[in-house]
Amino acid sequence: MFFDLGGGEIMGLAVLALILLGPERLPKFASDAATLVRKIQKMSHIATQELRENLGPGFEDLQPSDLNPKAFIKKHINATLDEVDAQERPTPKMDPDLL
């Protein structure tokens, strides 16, 4: 599902939370956790928007994964290889007498 946790593991964590927090505090804890997740998502979205605005034109379609150095290098290498493939290569000329 998420964070490489399966359904059984999530169910086990839910039972553990029920035991540790008790049935009276569990709904409040779940509500607070959901609020925290929403705040983190909002902050992430705002940070991404500010990054796009500060980089200027040409970066409107920027994704946070594009800033990963491995992805950046791979993207540039592939673009260079595409340019090399697109260049016209001269056709070799052979002397028919050599065949």
PDB file of N, CA and C in Angstrom:
ATOM      1  N   MET A   1       0.824  -1.176   0.000  1.00  0.00           N
ATOM      2  CA  MET A   1       0.000   0.000   0.000  1.00  0.00           C
ATOM      3  C   MET A   1       0.878   1.252   0.000  1.00  0.00           C
ATOM      4  N   PHE A   2       1.315   1.706   1.152  1.00  0.00           N
ATOM      5  CA  PHE A   2       2.213   2.845   1.226  1.00  0.00           C
ATOM      6  C   PHE A   2       3.324   2.531   2.210  1.00  0.00           C
ATOM      7  N   PHE A   3       4.474   3.092   1.948  1.00  0.00           N
ATOM      8  CA  PHE A   3       5.672   2.834   2.750  1.00  0.00           C
ATOM      9  C   PHE A   3       5.983   1.344   2.829  1.00  0.00           C
ATOM     10  N   ASP A   4       5.670   0.610   1.799  1.00  0.00           N
ATOM     11  CA  ASP A   4       5.908  -0.833   1.731  1.00  0.00           C
ATOM     12  C   ASP A   4       5.236  -1.595   2.868  1.00  0.00           C
ATOM     13  N   LEU A   5       4.081  -1.123   3.301  1.00  0.00           N
ATOM     14  CA  LEU A   5       3.307  -1.814   4.327  1.00  0.00           C
ATOM     15  C   LEU A   5       2.141  -2.523   3.662  1.00  0.00           C
ATOM     16  N   GLY A   6       1.922  -3.756   4.048  1.00  0.00           N
ATOM     17  CA  GLY A   6       0.800  -4.512   3.517  1.00  0.00           C
ATOM     18  C   GLY A   6      -0.446  -4.295   4.355  1.00  0.00           C
ATOM     19  N   GLY A   7      -1.528  -4.892   3.924  1.00  0.00           N
ATOM     20  CA  GLY A   7      -2.797  -4.757   4.635  1.00  0.00           C
ATOM     21  C   GLY A   7      -2.745  -5.315   6.041  1.00  0.00           C
ATOM     22  N   GLY A   8      -2.087  -6.467   6.210  1.00  0.00           N
ATOM     23  CA  GLY A   8      -1.976  -7.072   7.535  1.00  0.00           C
ATOM     24  C   GLY A   8      -1.167  -6.218   8.493  1.00  0.00           C
ATOM     25  N   GLU A   9      -0.111  -5.606   7.986  1.00  0.00           N
ATOM     26  CA  GLU A   9       0.727  -4.758   8.838  1.00  0.00           C
ATOM     27  C   GLU A   9      -0.028  -3.504   9.267  1.00  0.00           C
ATOM     28  N   ILE A  10      -0.799  -2.936   8.354  1.00  0.00           N
ATOM     29  CA  ILE A  10      -1.587  -1.752   8.706  1.00  0.00           C
ATOM     30  C   ILE A  10      -2.657  -2.120   9.734  1.00  0.00           C
ATOM     31  N   MET A  11      -3.270  -3.273   9.553  1.00  0.00           N
ATOM     32  CA  MET A  11      -4.276  -3.737  10.516  1.00  0.00           C
ATOM     33  C   MET A  11      -3.623  -3.943  11.885  1.00  0.00           C
ATOM     34  N   GLY A  12      -2.427  -4.494  11.910  1.00  0.00           N
ATOM     35  CA  GLY A  12      -1.706  -4.682  13.169  1.00  0.00           C
ATOM     36  C   GLY A  12      -1.397  -3.357  13.841  1.00  0.00           C
ATOM     37  N   LEU A  13      -1.004  -2.353  13.054  1.00  0.00           N
ATOM     38  CA  LEU A  13      -0.742  -1.024  13.616  1.00  0.00           C
ATOM     39  C   LEU A  13      -2.022  -0.400  14.164  1.00  0.00           C
ATOM     40  N   ALA A  14      -3.144  -0.627  13.478  1.00  0.00           N
ATOM     41  CA  ALA A  14      -4.421  -0.093  13.960  1.00  0.00           C
ATOM     42  C   ALA A  14      -4.807  -0.729  15.290  1.00  0.00           C
ATOM     43  N   VAL A  15      -4.621  -2.032  15.420  1.00  0.00           N
ATOM     44  CA  VAL A  15      -4.928  -2.719  16.678  1.00  0.00           C
ATOM     45  C   VAL A  15      -3.995  -2.226  17.779  1.00  0.00           C
ATOM     46  N   LEU A  16      -2.725  -2.046  17.464  1.00  0.00           N
ATOM     47  CA  LEU A  16      -1.766  -1.538  18.442  1.00  0.00           C
ATOM     48  C   LEU A  16      -2.152  -0.129  18.900  1.00  0.00           C
ATOM     49  N   ALA A  17      -2.565   0.718  17.954  1.00  0.00           N
ATOM     50  CA  ALA A  17      -3.002   2.069  18.314  1.00  0.00           C
ATOM     51  C   ALA A  17      -4.235   2.018  19.203  1.00  0.00           C
ATOM     52  N   LEU A  18      -5.158   1.113  18.907  1.00  0.00           N
ATOM     53  CA  LEU A  18      -6.363   0.969  19.729  1.00  0.00           C
ATOM     54  C   LEU A  18      -5.998   0.550  21.147  1.00  0.00           C
ATOM     55  N   ILE A  19      -5.027  -0.344  21.271  1.00  0.00           N
ATOM     56  CA  ILE A  19      -4.609  -0.814  22.599  1.00  0.00           C
ATOM     57  C   ILE A  19      -3.887   0.299  23.359  1.00  0.00           C
ATOM     58  N   LEU A  20      -2.967   1.000  22.682  1.00  0.00           N
ATOM     59  CA  LEU A  20      -2.174   2.033  23.359  1.00  0.00           C
ATOM     60  C   LEU A  20      -2.990   3.276  23.693  1.00  0.00           C
ATOM     61  N   LEU A  21      -3.843   3.708  22.768  1.00  0.00           N
ATOM     62  CA  LEU A  21      -4.578   4.954  22.977  1.00  0.00           C
ATOM     63  C   LEU A  21      -5.923   4.744  23.652  1.00  0.00           C
ATOM     64  N   GLY A  22      -6.487   3.599  23.441  1.00  0.00           N
ATOM     65  CA  GLY A  22      -7.811   3.335  24.003  1.00  0.00           C
ATOM     66  C   GLY A  22      -8.896   3.852  23.073  1.00  0.00           C
ATOM     67  N   PRO A  23     -10.082   3.309  23.208  1.00  0.00           N
ATOM     68  CA  PRO A  23     -11.160   3.685  22.292  1.00  0.00           C
ATOM     69  C   PRO A  23     -11.636   5.129  22.455  1.00  0.00           C
ATOM     70  N   GLU A  24     -11.414   5.735  23.619  1.00  0.00           N
ATOM     71  CA  GLU A  24     -11.895   7.104  23.809  1.00  0.00           C
ATOM     72  C   GLU A  24     -10.951   8.145  23.187  1.00  0.00           C
ATOM     73  N   ARG A  25      -9.660   7.880  23.130  1.00  0.00           N
ATOM     74  CA  ARG A  25      -8.709   8.845  22.566  1.00  0.00           C
ATOM     75  C   ARG A  25      -8.370   8.576  21.101  1.00  0.00           C
ATOM     76  N   LEU A  26      -8.695   7.414  20.578  1.00  0.00           N
ATOM     77  CA  LEU A  26      -8.332   7.052  19.205  1.00  0.00           C
ATOM     78  C   LEU A  26      -8.966   7.965  18.150  1.00  0.00           C
ATOM     79  N   PRO A  27     -10.263   8.314  18.234  1.00  0.00           N
ATOM     80  CA  PRO A  27     -10.832   9.206  17.208  1.00  0.00           C
ATOM     81  C   PRO A  27     -10.159  10.578  17.169  1.00  0.00           C
ATOM     82  N   LYS A  28      -9.842  11.140  18.333  1.00  0.00           N
ATOM     83  CA  LYS A  28      -9.162  12.445  18.379  1.00  0.00           C
ATOM     84  C   LYS A  28      -7.772  12.328  17.765  1.00  0.00           C
ATOM     85  N   PHE A  29      -7.068  11.251  18.084  1.00  0.00           N
ATOM     86  CA  PHE A  29      -5.728  11.042  17.525  1.00  0.00           C
ATOM     87  C   PHE A  29      -5.791  10.900  16.006  1.00  0.00           C
ATOM     88  N   ALA A  30      -6.755  10.144  15.492  1.00  0.00           N
ATOM     89  CA  ALA A  30      -6.895   9.957  14.045  1.00  0.00           C
ATOM     90  C   ALA A  30      -7.213  11.280  13.364  1.00  0.00           C
ATOM     91  N   SER A  31      -8.066  12.086  13.988  1.00  0.00           N
ATOM     92  CA  SER A  31      -8.406  13.396  13.435  1.00  0.00           C
ATOM     93  C   SER A  31      -7.182  14.308  13.405  1.00  0.00           C
ATOM     94  N   ASP A  32      -6.415  14.321  14.483  1.00  0.00           N
ATOM     95  CA  ASP A  32      -5.198  15.136  14.532  1.00  0.00           C
ATOM     96  C   ASP A  32      -4.172  14.672  13.500  1.00  0.00           C
ATOM     97  N   ALA A  33      -4.046  13.368  13.320  1.00  0.00           N
ATOM     98  CA  ALA A  33      -3.102  12.830  12.330  1.00  0.00           C
ATOM     99  C   ALA A  33      -3.526  13.223  10.917  1.00  0.00           C
ATOM    100  N   ALA A  34      -4.821  13.157  10.625  1.00  0.00           N
ATOM    101  CA  ALA A  34      -5.311  13.547   9.299  1.00  0.00           C
ATOM    102  C   ALA A  34      -5.076  15.032   9.051  1.00  0.00           C
ATOM    103  N   THR A  35      -5.285  15.861  10.076  1.00  0.00           N
ATOM    104  CA  THR A  35      -5.033  17.298   9.951  1.00  0.00           C
ATOM    105  C   THR A  35      -3.555  17.560   9.677  1.00  0.00           C
ATOM    106  N   LEU A  36      -2.686  16.848  10.369  1.00  0.00           N
ATOM    107  CA  LEU A  36      -1.250  17.004  10.159  1.00  0.00           C
ATOM    108  C   LEU A  36      -0.854  16.620   8.735  1.00  0.00           C
ATOM    109  N   VAL A  37      -1.397  15.528   8.228  1.00  0.00           N
ATOM    110  CA  VAL A  37      -1.084  15.094   6.862  1.00  0.00           C
ATOM    111  C   VAL A  37      -1.545  16.142   5.858  1.00  0.00           C
ATOM    112  N   ARG A  38      -2.748  16.710   6.058  1.00  0.00           N
ATOM    113  CA  ARG A  38      -3.250  17.752   5.154  1.00  0.00           C
ATOM    114  C   ARG A  38      -2.353  18.981   5.183  1.00  0.00           C
ATOM    115  N   LYS A  39      -1.888  19.386   6.370  1.00  0.00           N
ATOM    116  CA  LYS A  39      -1.001  20.545   6.481  1.00  0.00           C
ATOM    117  C   LYS A  39       0.318  20.294   5.758  1.00  0.00           C
ATOM    118  N   ILE A  40       0.861  19.101   5.897  1.00  0.00           N
ATOM    119  CA  ILE A  40       2.124  18.766   5.226  1.00  0.00           C
ATOM    120  C   ILE A  40       1.939  18.775   3.718  1.00  0.00           C
ATOM    121  N   GLN A  41       0.822  18.240   3.225  1.00  0.00           N
ATOM    122  CA  GLN A  41       0.560  18.260   1.783  1.00  0.00           C
ATOM    123  C   GLN A  41       0.433  19.688   1.276  1.00  0.00           C
ATOM    124  N   LYS A  42      -0.256  20.537   2.038  1.00  0.00           N
ATOM    125  CA  LYS A  42      -0.430  21.935   1.637  1.00  0.00           C
ATOM    126  C   LYS A  42       0.918  22.653   1.608  1.00  0.00           C
ATOM    127  N   MET A  43       1.754  22.424   2.631  1.00  0.00           N
ATOM    128  CA  MET A  43       3.073  23.053   2.665  1.00  0.00           C
ATOM    129  C   MET A  43       3.930  22.589   1.495  1.00  0.00           C
ATOM    130  N   SER A  44       3.853  21.325   1.150  1.00  0.00           N
ATOM    131  CA  SER A  44       4.606  20.792   0.019  1.00  0.00           C
ATOM    132  C   SER A  44       4.152  21.431  -1.280  1.00  0.00           C
ATOM    133  N   HIS A  45       2.846  21.575  -1.445  1.00  0.00           N
ATOM    134  CA  HIS A  45       2.302  22.195  -2.658  1.00  0.00           C
ATOM    135  C   HIS A  45       2.742  23.658  -2.755  1.00  0.00           C
ATOM    136  N   ILE A  46       2.686  24.389  -1.645  1.00  0.00           N
ATOM    137  CA  ILE A  46       3.095  25.794  -1.636  1.00  0.00           C
ATOM    138  C   ILE A  46       4.582  25.916  -1.954  1.00  0.00           C
ATOM    139  N   ALA A  47       5.410  25.054  -1.381  1.00  0.00           N
ATOM    140  CA  ALA A  47       6.851  25.100  -1.650  1.00  0.00           C
ATOM    141  C   ALA A  47       7.141  24.821  -3.121  1.00  0.00           C
ATOM    142  N   THR A  48       6.430  23.874  -3.715  1.00  0.00           N
ATOM    143  CA  THR A  48       6.622  23.566  -5.134  1.00  0.00           C
ATOM    144  C   THR A  48       6.213  24.750  -5.994  1.00  0.00           C
ATOM    145  N   GLN A  49       5.093  25.391  -5.659  1.00  0.00           N
ATOM    146  CA  GLN A  49       4.635  26.557  -6.419  1.00  0.00           C
ATOM    147  C   GLN A  49       5.648  27.698  -6.318  1.00  0.00           C
ATOM    148  N   GLU A  50       6.164  27.962  -5.117  1.00  0.00           N
ATOM    149  CA  GLU A  50       7.147  29.029  -4.945  1.00  0.00           C
ATOM    150  C   GLU A  50       8.422  28.731  -5.727  1.00  0.00           C
ATOM    151  N   LEU A  51       8.826  27.488  -5.761  1.00  0.00           N
ATOM    152  CA  LEU A  51      10.016  27.105  -6.514  1.00  0.00           C
ATOM    153  C   LEU A  51       9.813  27.369  -7.997  1.00  0.00           C
ATOM    154  N   ARG A  52       8.647  27.003  -8.516  1.00  0.00           N
ATOM    155  CA  ARG A  52       8.350  27.249  -9.932  1.00  0.00           C
ATOM    156  C   ARG A  52       8.345  28.739 -10.239  1.00  0.00           C
ATOM    157  N   GLU A  53       7.753  29.544  -9.344  1.00  0.00           N
ATOM    158  CA  GLU A  53       7.696  30.988  -9.562  1.00  0.00           C
ATOM    159  C   GLU A  53       9.089  31.608  -9.519  1.00  0.00           C
ATOM    160  N   ASN A  54       9.929  31.173  -8.599  1.00  0.00           N
ATOM    161  CA  ASN A  54      11.262  31.750  -8.451  1.00  0.00           C
ATOM    162  C   ASN A  54      12.208  31.347  -9.573  1.00  0.00           C
ATOM    163  N   LEU A  55      11.983  30.195 -10.193  1.00  0.00           N
ATOM    164  CA  LEU A  55      12.853  29.766 -11.285  1.00  0.00           C
ATOM    165  C   LEU A  55      12.570  30.525 -12.572  1.00  0.00           C
ATOM    166  N   GLY A  56      11.385  31.091 -12.700  1.00  0.00           N
ATOM    167  CA  GLY A  56      11.062  31.901 -13.861  1.00  0.00           C
ATOM    168  C   GLY A  56      10.461  31.094 -14.991  1.00  0.00           C
ATOM    169  N   PRO A  57      10.390  31.734 -16.169  1.00  0.00           N
ATOM    170  CA  PRO A  57       9.748  31.068 -17.313  1.00  0.00           C
ATOM    171  C   PRO A  57      10.546  29.856 -17.785  1.00  0.00           C
ATOM    172  N   GLY A  58       9.819  28.904 -18.324  1.00  0.00           N
ATOM    173  CA  GLY A  58      10.456  27.694 -18.823  1.00  0.00           C
ATOM    174  C   GLY A  58      10.426  26.544 -17.840  1.00  0.00           C
ATOM    175  N   PHE A  59      10.015  26.815 -16.619  1.00  0.00           N
ATOM    176  CA  PHE A  59       9.992  25.771 -15.593  1.00  0.00           C
ATOM    177  C   PHE A  59       8.581  25.535 -15.061  1.00  0.00           C
ATOM    178  N   GLU A  60       7.552  25.859 -15.859  1.00  0.00           N
ATOM    179  CA  GLU A  60       6.171  25.704 -15.412  1.00  0.00           C
ATOM    180  C   GLU A  60       5.811  24.242 -15.171  1.00  0.00           C
ATOM    181  N   ASP A  61       6.397  23.348 -15.943  1.00  0.00           N
ATOM    182  CA  ASP A  61       6.062  21.929 -15.811  1.00  0.00           C
ATOM    183  C   ASP A  61       7.055  21.176 -14.928  1.00  0.00           C
ATOM    184  N   LEU A  62       7.778  21.904 -14.096  1.00  0.00           N
ATOM    185  CA  LEU A  62       8.780  21.302 -13.212  1.00  0.00           C
ATOM    186  C   LEU A  62       8.115  20.416 -12.164  1.00  0.00           C
ATOM    187  N   GLN A  63       8.652  19.234 -11.999  1.00  0.00           N
ATOM    188  CA  GLN A  63       8.205  18.309 -10.959  1.00  0.00           C
ATOM    189  C   GLN A  63       9.338  18.163  -9.943  1.00  0.00           C
ATOM    190  N   PRO A  64       9.016  17.967  -8.661  1.00  0.00           N
ATOM    191  CA  PRO A  64      10.083  17.792  -7.669  1.00  0.00           C
ATOM    192  C   PRO A  64      11.026  16.636  -8.004  1.00  0.00           C
ATOM    193  N   SER A  65      10.523  15.619  -8.671  1.00  0.00           N
ATOM    194  CA  SER A  65      11.391  14.493  -9.032  1.00  0.00           C
ATOM    195  C   SER A  65      12.421  14.895 -10.085  1.00  0.00           C
ATOM    196  N   ASP A  66      12.165  15.998 -10.820  1.00  0.00           N
ATOM    197  CA  ASP A  66      13.127  16.474 -11.811  1.00  0.00           C
ATOM    198  C   ASP A  66      14.388  17.027 -11.151  1.00  0.00           C
ATOM    199  N   LEU A  67      14.307  17.374  -9.876  1.00  0.00           N
ATOM    200  CA  LEU A  67      15.456  17.939  -9.172  1.00  0.00           C
ATOM    201  C   LEU A  67      16.399  16.869  -8.638  1.00  0.00           C
ATOM    202  N   ASN A  68      16.023  15.615  -8.765  1.00  0.00           N
ATOM    203  CA  ASN A  68      16.880  14.513  -8.358  1.00  0.00           C
ATOM    204  C   ASN A  68      18.089  14.484  -9.297  1.00  0.00           C
ATOM    205  N   PRO A  69      19.312  14.515  -8.773  1.00  0.00           N
ATOM    206  CA  PRO A  69      20.489  14.556  -9.643  1.00  0.00           C
ATOM    207  C   PRO A  69      20.559  13.397 -10.632  1.00  0.00           C
ATOM    208  N   LYS A  70      20.188  12.200 -10.218  1.00  0.00           N
ATOM    209  CA  LYS A  70      20.234  11.059 -11.136  1.00  0.00           C
ATOM    210  C   LYS A  70      19.259  11.259 -12.291  1.00  0.00           C
ATOM    211  N   ALA A  71      18.050  11.717 -11.986  1.00  0.00           N
ATOM    212  CA  ALA A  71      17.052  11.941 -13.033  1.00  0.00           C
ATOM    213  C   ALA A  71      17.498  13.072 -13.954  1.00  0.00           C
ATOM    214  N   PHE A  72      18.116  14.114 -13.390  1.00  0.00           N
ATOM    215  CA  PHE A  72      18.590  15.255 -14.176  1.00  0.00           C
ATOM    216  C   PHE A  72      19.666  14.819 -15.165  1.00  0.00           C
ATOM    217  N   ILE A  73      20.636  14.042 -14.696  1.00  0.00           N
ATOM    218  CA  ILE A  73      21.721  13.572 -15.565  1.00  0.00           C
ATOM    219  C   ILE A  73      21.178  12.622 -16.630  1.00  0.00           C
ATOM    220  N   LYS A  74      20.300  11.718 -16.235  1.00  0.00           N
ATOM    221  CA  LYS A  74      19.718  10.767 -17.184  1.00  0.00           C
ATOM    222  C   LYS A  74      18.943  11.500 -18.274  1.00  0.00           C
ATOM    223  N   LYS A  75      18.190  12.524 -17.890  1.00  0.00           N
ATOM    224  CA  LYS A  75      17.412  13.301 -18.859  1.00  0.00           C
ATOM    225  C   LYS A  75      18.334  13.979 -19.869  1.00  0.00           C
ATOM    226  N   HIS A  76      19.428  14.570 -19.408  1.00  0.00           N
ATOM    227  CA  HIS A  76      20.348  15.260 -20.315  1.00  0.00           C
ATOM    228  C   HIS A  76      21.111  14.281 -21.205  1.00  0.00           C
ATOM    229  N   ILE A  77      21.491  13.142 -20.673  1.00  0.00           N
ATOM    230  CA  ILE A  77      22.183  12.141 -21.496  1.00  0.00           C
ATOM    231  C   ILE A  77      21.254  11.627 -22.583  1.00  0.00           C
ATOM    232  N   ASN A  78      20.008  11.345 -22.230  1.00  0.00           N
ATOM    233  CA  ASN A  78      19.048  10.876 -23.233  1.00  0.00           C
ATOM    234  C   ASN A  78      18.793  11.935 -24.299  1.00  0.00           C
ATOM    235  N   ALA A  79      18.729  13.206 -23.902  1.00  0.00           N
ATOM    236  CA  ALA A  79      18.527  14.279 -24.880  1.00  0.00           C
ATOM    237  C   ALA A  79      19.717  14.362 -25.831  1.00  0.00           C
ATOM    238  N   THR A  80      20.926  14.216 -25.308  1.00  0.00           N
ATOM    239  CA  THR A  80      22.121  14.254 -26.153  1.00  0.00           C
ATOM    240  C   THR A  80      22.147  13.069 -27.105  1.00  0.00           C
ATOM    241  N   LEU A  81      21.804  11.893 -26.611  1.00  0.00           N
ATOM    242  CA  LEU A  81      21.771  10.709 -27.478  1.00  0.00           C
ATOM    243  C   LEU A  81      20.714  10.853 -28.570  1.00  0.00           C
ATOM    244  N   ASP A  82      19.582  11.464 -28.241  1.00  0.00           N
ATOM    245  CA  ASP A  82      18.549  11.694 -29.250  1.00  0.00           C
ATOM    246  C   ASP A  82      19.044  12.650 -30.332  1.00  0.00           C
ATOM    247  N   GLU A  83      19.814  13.669 -29.923  1.00  0.00           N
ATOM    248  CA  GLU A  83      20.367  14.607 -30.904  1.00  0.00           C
ATOM    249  C   GLU A  83      21.359  13.901 -31.824  1.00  0.00           C
ATOM    250  N   VAL A  84      22.186  13.043 -31.264  1.00  0.00           N
ATOM    251  CA  VAL A  84      23.172  12.315 -32.068  1.00  0.00           C
ATOM    252  C   VAL A  84      22.461  11.386 -33.046  1.00  0.00           C
ATOM    253  N   ASP A  85      21.414  10.712 -32.589  1.00  0.00           N
ATOM    254  CA  ASP A  85      20.661   9.824 -33.475  1.00  0.00           C
ATOM    255  C   ASP A  85      19.952  10.594 -34.578  1.00  0.00           C
ATOM    256  N   ALA A  86      19.546  11.823 -34.276  1.00  0.00           N
ATOM    257  CA  ALA A  86      18.802  12.612 -35.254  1.00  0.00           C
ATOM    258  C   ALA A  86      19.705  13.172 -36.354  1.00  0.00           C
ATOM    259  N   GLN A  87      20.991  13.289 -36.081  1.00  0.00           N
ATOM    260  CA  GLN A  87      21.901  13.825 -37.095  1.00  0.00           C
ATOM    261  C   GLN A  87      21.999  12.846 -38.258  1.00  0.00           C
ATOM    262  N   GLU A  88      22.101  13.426 -39.451  1.00  0.00           N
ATOM    263  CA  GLU A  88      22.235  12.579 -40.638  1.00  0.00           C
ATOM    264  C   GLU A  88      23.655  12.037 -40.707  1.00  0.00           C
ATOM    265  N   ARG A  89      23.714  10.763 -40.896  1.00  0.00           N
ATOM    266  CA  ARG A  89      25.022  10.128 -41.044  1.00  0.00           C
ATOM    267  C   ARG A  89      25.258   9.899 -42.524  1.00  0.00           C
ATOM    268  N   PRO A  90      26.450  10.174 -42.986  1.00  0.00           N
ATOM    269  CA  PRO A  90      26.716   9.953 -44.412  1.00  0.00           C
ATOM    270  C   PRO A  90      26.672   8.461 -44.732  1.00  0.00           C
ATOM    271  N   THR A  91      26.130   8.160 -45.882  1.00  0.00           N
ATOM    272  CA  THR A  91      26.077   6.761 -46.300  1.00  0.00           C
ATOM    273  C   THR A  91      27.441   6.367 -46.840  1.00  0.00           C
ATOM    274  N   PRO A  92      27.943   5.246 -46.404  1.00  0.00           N
ATOM    275  CA  PRO A  92      29.254   4.825 -46.898  1.00  0.00           C
ATOM    276  C   PRO A  92      29.169   4.471 -48.381  1.00  0.00           C
ATOM    277  N   LYS A  93      30.166   4.892 -49.106  1.00  0.00           N
ATOM    278  CA  LYS A  93      30.216   4.603 -50.538  1.00  0.00           C
ATOM    279  C   LYS A  93      31.249   3.505 -50.760  1.00  0.00           C
ATOM    280  N   MET A  94      30.793   2.473 -51.411  1.00  0.00           N
ATOM    281  CA  MET A  94      31.683   1.340 -51.666  1.00  0.00           C
ATOM    282  C   MET A  94      31.923   1.224 -53.165  1.00  0.00           C
ATOM    283  N   ASP A  95      33.093   0.827 -53.460  1.00  0.00           N
ATOM    284  CA  ASP A  95      33.440   0.581 -54.860  1.00  0.00           C
ATOM    285  C   ASP A  95      32.853  -0.774 -55.253  1.00  0.00           C
ATOM    286  N   PRO A  96      32.011  -0.833 -56.292  1.00  0.00           N
ATOM    287  CA  PRO A  96      31.402  -2.106 -56.683  1.00  0.00           C
ATOM    288  C   PRO A  96      32.427  -3.146 -57.110  1.00  0.00           C
ATOM    289  N   ASP A  97      33.600  -2.713 -57.527  1.00  0.00           N
ATOM    290  CA  ASP A  97      34.620  -3.666 -57.946  1.00  0.00           C
ATOM    291  C   ASP A  97      35.200  -4.429 -56.753  1.00  0.00           C
ATOM    292  N   LEU A  98      35.080  -3.876 -55.569  1.00  0.00           N
ATOM    293  CA  LEU A  98      35.617  -4.543 -54.384  1.00  0.00           C
ATOM    294  C   LEU A  98      34.717  -5.677 -53.907  1.00  0.00           C
ATOM    295  N   LEU A  99      33.481  -5.700 -54.357  1.00  0.00           N
ATOM    296  CA  LEU A  99      32.561  -6.752 -53.919  1.00  0.00           C
ATOM    297  C   LEU A  99      32.861  -8.012 -54.590  1.00  0.00           C
TER     298      LEU A  99
END
